[in-house]
């Protein structure tokens, strides 16, 4: 609605920390809406014009990683990553923030995906044999609370002898093993709404499972 359009002078900083900010979007007299974001005040989505909005990059990338090995059924590669707000290891896709230096690359989402897969799984994507493509350039996470967004990138691994390693992670990242999920197992996880350990999982894990079982990757 036209009357709800936010301009930069209607944005007040409530919290400004290194990894998170909260802004008060004063969309009308006496009306306030709060936005938790990783972005600085000049780059929040609420005050972007249409041209900037349609060209914006996501904050991060989530990866749908499928392993194709000769003589074996295709499997979706997931891992258990410790999620601090949830207080436990959750079944997750490889994912990570787009670094500032990635933004000037030809395809920032793919650059980020390749780097994050190596950091979180130890696998070095070989574009000569593996397939890498963007599924969705940008998806909002929960736009009722945050403007954070993720791109979805599909990676089909066809190289032989994958060497998995979770020791290359940075900062607070913590992992506890992998799950190679067949289509039948993926359907069960979707139907049960929990992972094999009985825990709920993120919307991006759900998206990867759905993309996999519906053969949209083929």
N, C-alpha and C. Protein backbone atom coordinates (compact mmCIF):
# COMPACT_ATOMS: atom_id res chain seq x y z
N UNK A 1 0.84 -1.19 0.00
CA UNK A 1 0.00 0.00 0.00
C UNK A 1 0.88 1.24 0.00
N UNK A 2 0.47 2.22 -0.79
CA UNK A 2 1.30 3.41 -0.98
C UNK A 2 1.62 4.11 0.34
N UNK A 3 0.63 4.20 1.23
CA UNK A 3 0.83 4.92 2.48
C UNK A 3 1.80 4.25 3.44
N UNK A 4 2.14 3.00 3.17
CA UNK A 4 3.02 2.25 4.07
C UNK A 4 4.46 2.24 3.59
N UNK A 5 4.78 2.88 2.49
CA UNK A 5 6.13 2.88 1.97
C UNK A 5 7.07 3.58 2.94
N UNK A 6 8.18 2.93 3.27
CA UNK A 6 9.15 3.45 4.23
C UNK A 6 10.23 4.23 3.50
N UNK A 7 10.55 5.40 3.99
CA UNK A 7 11.69 6.16 3.51
C UNK A 7 12.77 6.12 4.59
N UNK A 8 13.99 6.44 4.19
CA UNK A 8 15.12 6.32 5.11
C UNK A 8 14.96 7.17 6.36
N UNK A 9 14.31 8.33 6.24
CA UNK A 9 14.15 9.19 7.41
C UNK A 9 13.06 8.69 8.36
N UNK A 10 12.35 7.63 7.98
CA UNK A 10 11.36 7.02 8.87
C UNK A 10 11.94 5.80 9.60
N UNK A 11 13.25 5.59 9.46
CA UNK A 11 13.90 4.43 10.06
C UNK A 11 14.75 4.88 11.24
N UNK A 12 14.48 4.31 12.40
CA UNK A 12 15.25 4.66 13.60
C UNK A 12 15.99 3.42 14.09
N UNK A 13 17.27 3.60 14.40
CA UNK A 13 18.08 2.48 14.88
C UNK A 13 17.76 2.19 16.34
N UNK A 14 17.39 0.95 16.62
CA UNK A 14 17.10 0.52 17.99
C UNK A 14 18.28 -0.23 18.59
N UNK A 15 18.92 -1.06 17.78
CA UNK A 15 20.07 -1.87 18.21
C UNK A 15 21.05 -1.97 17.07
N UNK A 16 22.33 -1.78 17.36
CA UNK A 16 23.36 -1.86 16.33
C UNK A 16 24.55 -2.63 16.86
N UNK A 17 24.59 -3.94 16.58
CA UNK A 17 25.68 -4.80 16.98
C UNK A 17 26.40 -5.31 15.72
N UNK A 18 27.52 -5.97 15.92
CA UNK A 18 28.33 -6.41 14.78
C UNK A 18 27.57 -7.34 13.85
N UNK A 19 26.79 -8.27 14.41
CA UNK A 19 26.15 -9.29 13.58
C UNK A 19 24.64 -9.14 13.47
N UNK A 20 24.05 -8.19 14.18
CA UNK A 20 22.60 -8.02 14.12
C UNK A 20 22.23 -6.57 14.42
N UNK A 21 21.19 -6.11 13.74
CA UNK A 21 20.67 -4.76 13.98
C UNK A 21 19.15 -4.84 14.06
N UNK A 22 18.56 -3.91 14.79
CA UNK A 22 17.11 -3.80 14.86
C UNK A 22 16.73 -2.36 14.54
N UNK A 23 15.81 -2.20 13.59
CA UNK A 23 15.35 -0.89 13.19
C UNK A 23 13.86 -0.74 13.45
N UNK A 24 13.46 0.46 13.83
CA UNK A 24 12.06 0.81 14.01
C UNK A 24 11.58 1.46 12.73
N UNK A 25 10.69 0.78 12.01
CA UNK A 25 10.15 1.30 10.75
C UNK A 25 8.87 2.07 11.08
N UNK A 26 8.98 3.39 11.15
CA UNK A 26 7.85 4.24 11.55
C UNK A 26 7.02 4.57 10.31
N UNK A 27 6.18 3.61 9.92
CA UNK A 27 5.49 3.69 8.64
C UNK A 27 4.33 4.68 8.63
N UNK A 28 3.93 5.16 9.80
CA UNK A 28 2.87 6.18 9.89
C UNK A 28 2.99 6.84 11.26
N UNK A 29 2.30 7.95 11.44
CA UNK A 29 2.34 8.67 12.71
C UNK A 29 1.90 7.75 13.85
N UNK A 30 2.82 7.53 14.80
CA UNK A 30 2.51 6.68 15.94
C UNK A 30 2.48 5.20 15.65
N UNK A 31 2.88 4.80 14.43
CA UNK A 31 2.85 3.41 14.01
C UNK A 31 4.29 2.89 13.86
N UNK A 32 4.57 1.74 14.46
CA UNK A 32 5.94 1.21 14.47
C UNK A 32 5.96 -0.27 14.09
N UNK A 33 6.95 -0.64 13.30
CA UNK A 33 7.16 -2.04 12.95
C UNK A 33 8.67 -2.30 13.05
N UNK A 34 9.05 -3.38 13.72
CA UNK A 34 10.47 -3.61 13.99
C UNK A 34 11.04 -4.65 13.03
N UNK A 35 12.25 -4.39 12.61
CA UNK A 35 12.94 -5.21 11.61
C UNK A 35 14.30 -5.64 12.16
N UNK A 36 14.46 -6.95 12.40
CA UNK A 36 15.76 -7.51 12.79
C UNK A 36 16.51 -7.89 11.52
N UNK A 37 17.74 -7.42 11.37
CA UNK A 37 18.43 -7.56 10.10
C UNK A 37 19.94 -7.60 10.28
N UNK A 38 20.62 -8.15 9.29
CA UNK A 38 22.08 -8.07 9.24
C UNK A 38 22.55 -6.83 8.50
N UNK A 39 21.63 -6.15 7.83
CA UNK A 39 22.00 -5.04 6.96
C UNK A 39 22.15 -3.73 7.74
N UNK A 40 22.93 -2.81 7.18
CA UNK A 40 23.02 -1.49 7.80
C UNK A 40 21.82 -0.65 7.35
N UNK A 41 21.69 0.51 7.95
CA UNK A 41 20.50 1.33 7.73
C UNK A 41 20.31 1.71 6.26
N UNK A 42 21.38 1.94 5.55
CA UNK A 42 21.28 2.38 4.16
C UNK A 42 20.96 1.26 3.18
N UNK A 43 20.96 0.01 3.66
CA UNK A 43 20.72 -1.10 2.73
C UNK A 43 19.57 -2.01 3.15
N UNK A 44 18.76 -1.59 4.13
CA UNK A 44 17.62 -2.43 4.50
C UNK A 44 16.61 -2.46 3.35
N UNK A 45 15.85 -3.53 3.29
CA UNK A 45 14.96 -3.76 2.15
C UNK A 45 13.76 -2.82 2.18
N UNK A 46 13.27 -2.49 3.37
CA UNK A 46 12.03 -1.72 3.50
C UNK A 46 12.08 -0.38 2.77
N UNK A 47 13.24 0.24 2.72
CA UNK A 47 13.34 1.57 2.10
C UNK A 47 13.91 1.53 0.68
N UNK A 48 14.09 0.33 0.12
CA UNK A 48 14.58 0.22 -1.26
C UNK A 48 13.50 0.64 -2.25
N UNK A 49 13.92 1.28 -3.34
CA UNK A 49 12.97 1.52 -4.42
C UNK A 49 12.81 0.23 -5.24
N UNK A 50 11.88 0.22 -6.17
CA UNK A 50 11.56 -1.00 -6.91
C UNK A 50 12.75 -1.54 -7.69
N UNK A 51 13.52 -0.66 -8.29
CA UNK A 51 14.67 -1.10 -9.10
C UNK A 51 15.70 -1.79 -8.22
N UNK A 52 16.02 -1.18 -7.08
CA UNK A 52 16.99 -1.77 -6.16
C UNK A 52 16.48 -3.09 -5.59
N UNK A 53 15.19 -3.13 -5.27
CA UNK A 53 14.58 -4.34 -4.71
C UNK A 53 14.71 -5.52 -5.68
N UNK A 54 14.46 -5.27 -6.94
CA UNK A 54 14.50 -6.34 -7.93
C UNK A 54 15.92 -6.79 -8.27
N UNK A 55 16.92 -5.99 -7.93
CA UNK A 55 18.31 -6.34 -8.22
C UNK A 55 19.09 -6.76 -6.99
N UNK A 56 18.46 -6.76 -5.81
CA UNK A 56 19.18 -7.02 -4.56
C UNK A 56 19.73 -8.44 -4.49
N UNK A 57 20.82 -8.59 -3.77
CA UNK A 57 21.39 -9.90 -3.49
C UNK A 57 20.87 -10.40 -2.15
N UNK A 58 20.77 -11.71 -1.97
CA UNK A 58 20.37 -12.23 -0.66
C UNK A 58 21.48 -12.04 0.36
N UNK A 59 21.15 -12.21 1.61
CA UNK A 59 22.16 -12.15 2.66
C UNK A 59 23.03 -13.40 2.68
N UNK A 60 22.44 -14.51 2.30
CA UNK A 60 23.13 -15.80 2.42
C UNK A 60 22.67 -16.75 1.32
N UNK A 61 23.29 -17.91 1.30
CA UNK A 61 22.95 -18.95 0.32
C UNK A 61 22.76 -20.27 1.06
N UNK A 62 21.71 -21.00 0.70
CA UNK A 62 21.49 -22.36 1.18
C UNK A 62 21.62 -23.31 0.00
N UNK A 63 22.24 -24.46 0.24
CA UNK A 63 22.61 -25.35 -0.86
C UNK A 63 21.84 -26.66 -0.82
N UNK A 64 21.31 -27.05 -1.96
CA UNK A 64 20.71 -28.37 -2.15
C UNK A 64 21.79 -29.24 -2.79
N UNK A 65 22.39 -30.12 -2.01
CA UNK A 65 23.54 -30.91 -2.48
C UNK A 65 23.10 -32.35 -2.70
N UNK A 66 23.19 -32.79 -3.93
CA UNK A 66 22.78 -34.14 -4.30
C UNK A 66 23.99 -34.91 -4.82
N UNK A 67 24.17 -36.11 -4.30
CA UNK A 67 25.31 -36.94 -4.68
C UNK A 67 24.85 -38.00 -5.67
N UNK A 68 25.46 -37.99 -6.84
CA UNK A 68 25.20 -39.01 -7.86
C UNK A 68 26.45 -39.86 -8.02
N UNK A 69 26.36 -41.13 -7.62
CA UNK A 69 27.48 -42.06 -7.78
C UNK A 69 27.05 -43.21 -8.67
N UNK A 70 27.92 -43.63 -9.54
CA UNK A 70 27.59 -44.70 -10.48
C UNK A 70 27.19 -45.97 -9.73
N UNK A 71 26.05 -46.52 -10.12
CA UNK A 71 25.59 -47.76 -9.50
C UNK A 71 24.86 -47.57 -8.19
N UNK A 72 24.68 -46.32 -7.75
CA UNK A 72 24.00 -46.06 -6.49
C UNK A 72 22.81 -45.12 -6.70
N UNK A 73 21.84 -45.22 -5.83
CA UNK A 73 20.70 -44.32 -5.87
C UNK A 73 21.14 -42.90 -5.48
N UNK A 74 20.66 -41.87 -6.17
CA UNK A 74 21.00 -40.50 -5.78
C UNK A 74 20.59 -40.22 -4.33
N UNK A 75 21.41 -39.42 -3.64
CA UNK A 75 21.14 -39.11 -2.23
C UNK A 75 21.33 -37.61 -1.99
N UNK A 76 20.54 -37.11 -1.08
CA UNK A 76 20.63 -35.71 -0.65
C UNK A 76 21.59 -35.65 0.54
N UNK A 77 22.59 -34.76 0.45
CA UNK A 77 23.59 -34.63 1.51
C UNK A 77 23.16 -33.54 2.50
N UNK A 78 22.92 -33.96 3.74
CA UNK A 78 22.57 -33.04 4.82
C UNK A 78 23.54 -33.25 5.97
N UNK A 79 23.56 -32.32 6.91
CA UNK A 79 24.42 -32.48 8.09
C UNK A 79 23.68 -32.01 9.33
N UNK A 80 24.23 -32.35 10.48
CA UNK A 80 23.67 -31.88 11.75
C UNK A 80 24.51 -30.69 12.22
N UNK A 81 23.90 -29.52 12.20
CA UNK A 81 24.59 -28.30 12.63
C UNK A 81 23.96 -27.78 13.91
N UNK A 82 24.80 -27.36 14.85
CA UNK A 82 24.29 -26.82 16.11
C UNK A 82 23.69 -25.44 15.85
N UNK A 83 22.42 -25.29 16.19
CA UNK A 83 21.72 -24.02 16.01
C UNK A 83 21.48 -23.42 17.38
N UNK A 84 22.19 -22.36 17.68
CA UNK A 84 22.18 -21.80 19.03
C UNK A 84 20.78 -21.37 19.51
N UNK A 85 19.98 -20.70 18.69
CA UNK A 85 18.64 -20.34 19.18
C UNK A 85 17.75 -21.55 19.48
N UNK A 86 18.00 -22.67 18.78
CA UNK A 86 17.23 -23.89 19.03
C UNK A 86 17.87 -24.76 20.12
N UNK A 87 19.14 -24.51 20.41
CA UNK A 87 19.83 -25.20 21.48
C UNK A 87 20.15 -26.65 21.21
N UNK A 88 20.27 -27.04 19.95
CA UNK A 88 20.56 -28.44 19.62
C UNK A 88 21.02 -28.55 18.16
N UNK A 89 21.50 -29.74 17.81
CA UNK A 89 21.90 -30.00 16.43
C UNK A 89 20.65 -30.27 15.59
N UNK A 90 20.50 -29.54 14.49
CA UNK A 90 19.36 -29.70 13.60
C UNK A 90 19.82 -30.16 12.22
N UNK A 91 19.01 -30.96 11.58
CA UNK A 91 19.30 -31.43 10.23
C UNK A 91 19.29 -30.23 9.29
N UNK A 92 20.41 -30.00 8.61
CA UNK A 92 20.60 -28.74 7.90
C UNK A 92 21.23 -28.95 6.53
N UNK A 93 21.05 -27.95 5.67
CA UNK A 93 21.76 -27.90 4.39
C UNK A 93 23.01 -27.06 4.57
N UNK A 94 24.05 -27.27 3.73
CA UNK A 94 25.19 -26.36 3.76
C UNK A 94 24.72 -24.95 3.43
N UNK A 95 25.17 -23.98 4.21
CA UNK A 95 24.68 -22.61 4.01
C UNK A 95 25.66 -21.63 4.62
N UNK A 96 25.59 -20.38 4.15
CA UNK A 96 26.44 -19.35 4.73
C UNK A 96 26.19 -17.99 4.11
N UNK A 97 26.71 -16.97 4.77
CA UNK A 97 26.54 -15.60 4.31
C UNK A 97 27.35 -15.32 3.06
N UNK A 98 26.83 -14.43 2.21
CA UNK A 98 27.59 -13.93 1.07
C UNK A 98 28.63 -12.94 1.58
N UNK A 99 29.89 -13.20 1.33
CA UNK A 99 30.96 -12.30 1.76
C UNK A 99 30.99 -11.05 0.89
N UNK A 100 31.47 -9.93 1.43
CA UNK A 100 31.54 -8.70 0.63
C UNK A 100 32.28 -8.87 -0.69
N UNK A 101 33.37 -9.66 -0.68
CA UNK A 101 34.14 -9.84 -1.91
C UNK A 101 33.40 -10.67 -2.95
N UNK A 102 32.41 -11.47 -2.51
CA UNK A 102 31.62 -12.27 -3.45
C UNK A 102 30.66 -11.41 -4.27
N UNK A 103 30.27 -10.27 -3.71
CA UNK A 103 29.23 -9.45 -4.34
C UNK A 103 29.66 -8.88 -5.69
N UNK A 104 30.95 -8.79 -5.93
CA UNK A 104 31.45 -8.27 -7.20
C UNK A 104 31.72 -9.37 -8.22
N UNK A 105 31.51 -10.63 -7.82
CA UNK A 105 31.74 -11.74 -8.73
C UNK A 105 30.58 -11.86 -9.73
N UNK A 106 30.80 -12.64 -10.78
CA UNK A 106 29.78 -12.80 -11.82
C UNK A 106 28.51 -13.44 -11.26
N UNK A 107 28.68 -14.42 -10.37
CA UNK A 107 27.52 -15.06 -9.74
C UNK A 107 27.81 -15.25 -8.26
N UNK A 108 27.46 -14.25 -7.44
CA UNK A 108 27.77 -14.31 -6.01
C UNK A 108 27.18 -15.52 -5.30
N UNK A 109 25.95 -15.94 -5.69
CA UNK A 109 25.34 -17.08 -5.03
C UNK A 109 26.16 -18.35 -5.24
N UNK A 110 26.63 -18.57 -6.47
CA UNK A 110 27.41 -19.77 -6.75
C UNK A 110 28.78 -19.72 -6.07
N UNK A 111 29.41 -18.56 -6.07
CA UNK A 111 30.69 -18.40 -5.37
C UNK A 111 30.54 -18.77 -3.90
N UNK A 112 29.48 -18.26 -3.28
CA UNK A 112 29.23 -18.53 -1.87
C UNK A 112 28.95 -20.01 -1.63
N UNK A 113 28.14 -20.61 -2.49
CA UNK A 113 27.80 -22.02 -2.34
C UNK A 113 29.03 -22.91 -2.38
N UNK A 114 29.89 -22.68 -3.34
CA UNK A 114 31.11 -23.50 -3.48
C UNK A 114 31.98 -23.36 -2.24
N UNK A 115 32.14 -22.14 -1.74
CA UNK A 115 32.96 -21.91 -0.55
C UNK A 115 32.36 -22.57 0.68
N UNK A 116 31.05 -22.42 0.88
CA UNK A 116 30.42 -22.96 2.07
C UNK A 116 30.41 -24.49 2.06
N UNK A 117 30.23 -25.09 0.91
CA UNK A 117 30.27 -26.55 0.83
C UNK A 117 31.65 -27.07 1.22
N UNK A 118 32.70 -26.39 0.77
CA UNK A 118 34.05 -26.81 1.15
C UNK A 118 34.28 -26.65 2.66
N UNK A 119 33.82 -25.52 3.21
CA UNK A 119 34.03 -25.27 4.64
C UNK A 119 33.25 -26.25 5.51
N UNK A 120 32.02 -26.58 5.12
CA UNK A 120 31.15 -27.36 5.99
C UNK A 120 31.18 -28.86 5.71
N UNK A 121 31.68 -29.27 4.53
CA UNK A 121 31.73 -30.70 4.22
C UNK A 121 33.12 -31.18 3.84
N UNK A 122 34.03 -30.27 3.53
CA UNK A 122 35.36 -30.65 3.07
C UNK A 122 35.42 -30.95 1.58
N UNK A 123 34.27 -30.91 0.90
CA UNK A 123 34.22 -31.25 -0.53
C UNK A 123 34.56 -30.03 -1.37
N UNK A 124 35.51 -30.20 -2.26
CA UNK A 124 35.87 -29.15 -3.21
C UNK A 124 35.08 -29.39 -4.49
N UNK A 125 34.14 -28.53 -4.78
CA UNK A 125 33.30 -28.69 -5.98
C UNK A 125 34.17 -28.58 -7.22
N UNK A 126 34.03 -29.56 -8.11
CA UNK A 126 34.77 -29.59 -9.37
C UNK A 126 33.79 -29.29 -10.50
N UNK A 127 33.81 -28.08 -10.99
CA UNK A 127 32.83 -27.67 -12.00
C UNK A 127 33.02 -28.39 -13.34
N UNK A 128 34.12 -29.14 -13.48
CA UNK A 128 34.32 -29.91 -14.71
C UNK A 128 33.42 -31.15 -14.73
N UNK A 129 33.08 -31.67 -13.54
CA UNK A 129 32.23 -32.86 -13.48
C UNK A 129 30.96 -32.63 -12.67
N UNK A 130 31.00 -31.71 -11.74
CA UNK A 130 29.83 -31.43 -10.91
C UNK A 130 28.97 -30.35 -11.56
N UNK A 131 27.70 -30.33 -11.21
CA UNK A 131 26.77 -29.33 -11.75
C UNK A 131 26.38 -28.35 -10.66
N UNK A 132 26.47 -27.05 -10.98
CA UNK A 132 26.11 -26.00 -10.03
C UNK A 132 25.18 -25.01 -10.72
N UNK A 133 24.03 -24.73 -10.12
CA UNK A 133 23.08 -23.79 -10.72
C UNK A 133 22.24 -23.14 -9.63
N UNK A 134 21.72 -21.97 -9.95
CA UNK A 134 20.87 -21.24 -9.00
C UNK A 134 19.42 -21.71 -9.17
N UNK A 135 18.82 -22.18 -8.09
CA UNK A 135 17.41 -22.59 -8.08
C UNK A 135 16.52 -21.36 -7.90
N UNK A 136 16.86 -20.54 -6.91
CA UNK A 136 16.13 -19.30 -6.64
C UNK A 136 17.13 -18.25 -6.18
N UNK A 137 17.16 -17.09 -6.84
CA UNK A 137 18.16 -16.08 -6.47
C UNK A 137 17.93 -15.46 -5.10
N UNK A 138 16.67 -15.47 -4.62
CA UNK A 138 16.40 -14.85 -3.32
C UNK A 138 15.05 -15.29 -2.78
N UNK A 139 15.07 -15.73 -1.53
CA UNK A 139 13.85 -16.08 -0.80
C UNK A 139 13.91 -15.42 0.56
N UNK A 140 12.84 -14.76 0.97
CA UNK A 140 12.81 -14.18 2.32
C UNK A 140 12.56 -15.28 3.34
N UNK A 141 13.17 -15.13 4.49
CA UNK A 141 13.03 -16.12 5.55
C UNK A 141 11.70 -15.95 6.28
N UNK A 142 11.58 -14.93 7.11
CA UNK A 142 10.33 -14.63 7.81
C UNK A 142 10.12 -13.12 7.75
N UNK A 143 9.58 -12.59 6.64
CA UNK A 143 9.48 -11.14 6.46
C UNK A 143 8.54 -10.43 7.43
N UNK A 144 7.89 -11.19 8.33
CA UNK A 144 7.14 -10.55 9.39
C UNK A 144 8.02 -10.11 10.54
N UNK A 145 9.29 -10.53 10.55
CA UNK A 145 10.19 -10.20 11.65
C UNK A 145 11.54 -9.69 11.16
N UNK A 146 11.94 -10.11 9.97
CA UNK A 146 13.28 -9.79 9.48
C UNK A 146 13.26 -9.66 7.96
N UNK A 147 14.22 -8.90 7.43
CA UNK A 147 14.36 -8.84 5.97
C UNK A 147 15.42 -9.82 5.46
N UNK A 148 15.88 -10.72 6.35
CA UNK A 148 16.93 -11.66 5.94
C UNK A 148 16.44 -12.56 4.80
N UNK A 149 17.35 -12.88 3.90
CA UNK A 149 16.99 -13.68 2.73
C UNK A 149 18.11 -14.64 2.38
N UNK A 150 17.73 -15.71 1.67
CA UNK A 150 18.68 -16.71 1.19
C UNK A 150 18.44 -16.98 -0.28
N UNK A 151 19.51 -17.18 -1.02
CA UNK A 151 19.40 -17.76 -2.34
C UNK A 151 19.47 -19.28 -2.22
N UNK A 152 18.86 -20.01 -3.14
CA UNK A 152 18.95 -21.47 -3.16
C UNK A 152 19.81 -21.89 -4.35
N UNK A 153 20.84 -22.68 -4.07
CA UNK A 153 21.74 -23.15 -5.13
C UNK A 153 21.75 -24.67 -5.13
N UNK A 154 21.60 -25.25 -6.32
CA UNK A 154 21.66 -26.70 -6.51
C UNK A 154 23.08 -27.10 -6.89
N UNK A 155 23.60 -28.10 -6.18
CA UNK A 155 24.91 -28.67 -6.52
C UNK A 155 24.76 -30.18 -6.64
N UNK A 156 25.04 -30.71 -7.83
CA UNK A 156 25.01 -32.15 -8.06
C UNK A 156 26.45 -32.63 -8.13
N UNK A 157 26.84 -33.43 -7.15
CA UNK A 157 28.21 -33.93 -7.06
C UNK A 157 28.33 -35.25 -7.81
N UNK A 158 29.20 -35.28 -8.81
CA UNK A 158 29.41 -36.49 -9.61
C UNK A 158 30.85 -36.99 -9.51
N UNK A 159 31.69 -36.27 -8.79
CA UNK A 159 33.08 -36.69 -8.65
C UNK A 159 33.18 -37.94 -7.79
N UNK A 160 34.25 -38.68 -7.99
CA UNK A 160 34.45 -39.92 -7.24
C UNK A 160 35.20 -39.64 -5.93
N UNK A 161 35.02 -40.55 -4.97
CA UNK A 161 35.79 -40.52 -3.72
C UNK A 161 35.63 -39.20 -2.97
N UNK A 162 34.42 -38.92 -2.56
CA UNK A 162 34.18 -37.71 -1.76
C UNK A 162 34.82 -37.87 -0.38
N UNK A 163 35.63 -36.90 0.00
CA UNK A 163 36.27 -36.92 1.32
C UNK A 163 35.57 -35.91 2.22
N UNK A 164 34.75 -36.41 3.13
CA UNK A 164 33.98 -35.53 4.00
C UNK A 164 34.79 -35.12 5.23
N UNK A 165 34.69 -33.83 5.56
CA UNK A 165 35.46 -33.30 6.68
C UNK A 165 34.73 -32.07 7.22
N UNK A 166 34.45 -32.03 8.52
CA UNK A 166 33.74 -30.91 9.12
C UNK A 166 34.65 -30.05 10.01
N UNK A 167 35.95 -30.12 9.77
CA UNK A 167 36.88 -29.37 10.62
C UNK A 167 37.24 -28.00 10.05
N UNK A 168 36.71 -27.66 8.87
CA UNK A 168 37.07 -26.39 8.24
C UNK A 168 36.13 -25.26 8.54
N UNK A 169 35.27 -25.43 9.55
CA UNK A 169 34.26 -24.42 9.85
C UNK A 169 34.84 -23.27 10.65
N UNK A 170 34.17 -22.13 10.56
CA UNK A 170 34.68 -20.90 11.18
C UNK A 170 33.82 -20.47 12.36
N UNK A 171 34.43 -19.76 13.30
CA UNK A 171 33.70 -19.12 14.38
C UNK A 171 32.87 -20.08 15.20
N UNK A 172 31.59 -19.74 15.42
CA UNK A 172 30.75 -20.55 16.31
C UNK A 172 30.15 -21.78 15.65
N UNK A 173 30.44 -22.01 14.37
CA UNK A 173 29.84 -23.15 13.68
C UNK A 173 30.30 -24.46 14.30
N UNK A 174 29.34 -25.37 14.51
CA UNK A 174 29.63 -26.65 15.13
C UNK A 174 28.77 -27.72 14.48
N UNK A 175 29.39 -28.85 14.08
CA UNK A 175 28.68 -29.89 13.35
C UNK A 175 28.83 -31.24 14.04
N UNK A 176 27.90 -32.14 13.73
CA UNK A 176 27.91 -33.46 14.34
C UNK A 176 27.49 -34.54 13.34
N UNK A 177 28.23 -34.61 12.23
CA UNK A 177 28.02 -35.69 11.28
C UNK A 177 27.07 -35.36 10.14
N UNK A 178 26.95 -36.33 9.24
CA UNK A 178 26.20 -36.16 8.00
C UNK A 178 25.04 -37.16 7.92
N UNK A 179 24.10 -36.84 7.03
CA UNK A 179 23.05 -37.77 6.63
C UNK A 179 23.03 -37.81 5.10
N UNK A 180 23.19 -39.00 4.53
CA UNK A 180 22.98 -39.21 3.10
C UNK A 180 21.57 -39.77 2.95
N UNK A 181 20.65 -38.97 2.41
CA UNK A 181 19.23 -39.29 2.45
C UNK A 181 18.75 -39.74 1.07
N UNK A 182 18.20 -40.96 1.00
CA UNK A 182 17.60 -41.43 -0.23
C UNK A 182 16.22 -40.78 -0.41
N UNK A 183 15.62 -40.97 -1.57
CA UNK A 183 14.30 -40.38 -1.82
C UNK A 183 13.27 -40.93 -0.82
N UNK A 184 13.32 -42.23 -0.57
CA UNK A 184 12.37 -42.84 0.37
C UNK A 184 12.57 -42.26 1.78
N UNK A 185 13.82 -42.11 2.19
CA UNK A 185 14.11 -41.54 3.52
C UNK A 185 13.68 -40.08 3.60
N UNK A 186 13.87 -39.35 2.49
CA UNK A 186 13.46 -37.94 2.46
C UNK A 186 11.95 -37.82 2.61
N UNK A 187 11.21 -38.70 1.95
CA UNK A 187 9.75 -38.69 2.08
C UNK A 187 9.33 -38.94 3.53
N UNK A 188 10.02 -39.86 4.19
CA UNK A 188 9.70 -40.16 5.59
C UNK A 188 9.95 -38.95 6.49
N UNK A 189 11.09 -38.28 6.26
CA UNK A 189 11.40 -37.09 7.06
C UNK A 189 10.34 -36.02 6.85
N UNK A 190 9.91 -35.85 5.60
CA UNK A 190 8.85 -34.87 5.31
C UNK A 190 7.53 -35.27 5.97
N UNK A 191 7.18 -36.53 5.87
CA UNK A 191 5.92 -37.00 6.44
C UNK A 191 5.92 -36.91 7.95
N UNK A 192 7.06 -37.25 8.58
CA UNK A 192 7.16 -37.25 10.04
C UNK A 192 7.31 -35.85 10.62
N UNK A 193 7.78 -34.91 9.78
CA UNK A 193 8.04 -33.52 10.20
C UNK A 193 9.21 -33.40 11.19
N UNK A 194 9.95 -34.48 11.37
CA UNK A 194 11.14 -34.45 12.22
C UNK A 194 12.24 -35.25 11.54
N UNK A 195 13.48 -35.01 11.97
CA UNK A 195 14.61 -35.74 11.40
C UNK A 195 14.72 -37.13 12.06
N UNK A 196 15.69 -37.96 11.66
CA UNK A 196 15.81 -39.30 12.26
C UNK A 196 16.04 -39.29 13.77
N UNK A 197 16.46 -38.15 14.32
CA UNK A 197 16.66 -38.04 15.77
C UNK A 197 15.42 -37.51 16.49
N UNK A 198 14.36 -37.25 15.73
CA UNK A 198 13.13 -36.76 16.33
C UNK A 198 13.08 -35.26 16.52
N UNK A 199 13.97 -34.52 15.86
CA UNK A 199 14.02 -33.07 16.01
C UNK A 199 13.40 -32.37 14.79
N UNK A 200 12.78 -31.23 15.04
CA UNK A 200 12.29 -30.40 13.94
C UNK A 200 13.47 -29.78 13.20
N UNK A 201 13.21 -29.25 12.01
CA UNK A 201 14.29 -28.70 11.18
C UNK A 201 13.82 -27.42 10.51
N UNK A 202 14.74 -26.77 9.78
CA UNK A 202 14.45 -25.45 9.21
C UNK A 202 13.66 -25.54 7.91
N UNK A 203 13.10 -24.42 7.52
CA UNK A 203 12.35 -24.35 6.28
C UNK A 203 13.24 -24.62 5.07
N UNK A 204 14.53 -24.30 5.16
CA UNK A 204 15.41 -24.53 4.02
C UNK A 204 15.76 -26.01 3.88
N UNK A 205 15.80 -26.74 4.98
CA UNK A 205 15.94 -28.19 4.91
C UNK A 205 14.69 -28.79 4.28
N UNK A 206 13.53 -28.29 4.69
CA UNK A 206 12.26 -28.75 4.09
C UNK A 206 12.26 -28.48 2.59
N UNK A 207 12.72 -27.31 2.18
CA UNK A 207 12.75 -26.98 0.74
C UNK A 207 13.66 -27.93 -0.02
N UNK A 208 14.83 -28.24 0.55
CA UNK A 208 15.76 -29.16 -0.10
C UNK A 208 15.15 -30.55 -0.22
N UNK A 209 14.51 -31.02 0.83
CA UNK A 209 13.85 -32.33 0.79
C UNK A 209 12.76 -32.37 -0.28
N UNK A 210 11.95 -31.33 -0.34
CA UNK A 210 10.87 -31.28 -1.33
C UNK A 210 11.43 -31.23 -2.76
N UNK A 211 12.45 -30.42 -2.96
CA UNK A 211 13.06 -30.30 -4.28
C UNK A 211 13.62 -31.65 -4.74
N UNK A 212 14.19 -32.37 -3.79
CA UNK A 212 14.80 -33.67 -4.07
C UNK A 212 13.75 -34.73 -4.39
N UNK A 213 12.74 -34.88 -3.54
CA UNK A 213 11.77 -35.97 -3.74
C UNK A 213 10.89 -35.74 -4.96
N UNK A 214 10.73 -34.49 -5.37
CA UNK A 214 9.91 -34.18 -6.56
C UNK A 214 10.72 -34.18 -7.85
N UNK A 215 11.99 -34.59 -7.77
CA UNK A 215 12.85 -34.72 -8.95
C UNK A 215 13.02 -33.40 -9.71
N UNK A 216 12.85 -32.29 -9.04
CA UNK A 216 13.03 -31.00 -9.70
C UNK A 216 14.50 -30.75 -10.06
N UNK A 217 15.39 -31.49 -9.47
CA UNK A 217 16.83 -31.33 -9.73
C UNK A 217 17.25 -32.00 -11.04
N UNK A 218 16.39 -32.87 -11.60
CA UNK A 218 16.79 -33.62 -12.79
C UNK A 218 16.61 -32.78 -14.06
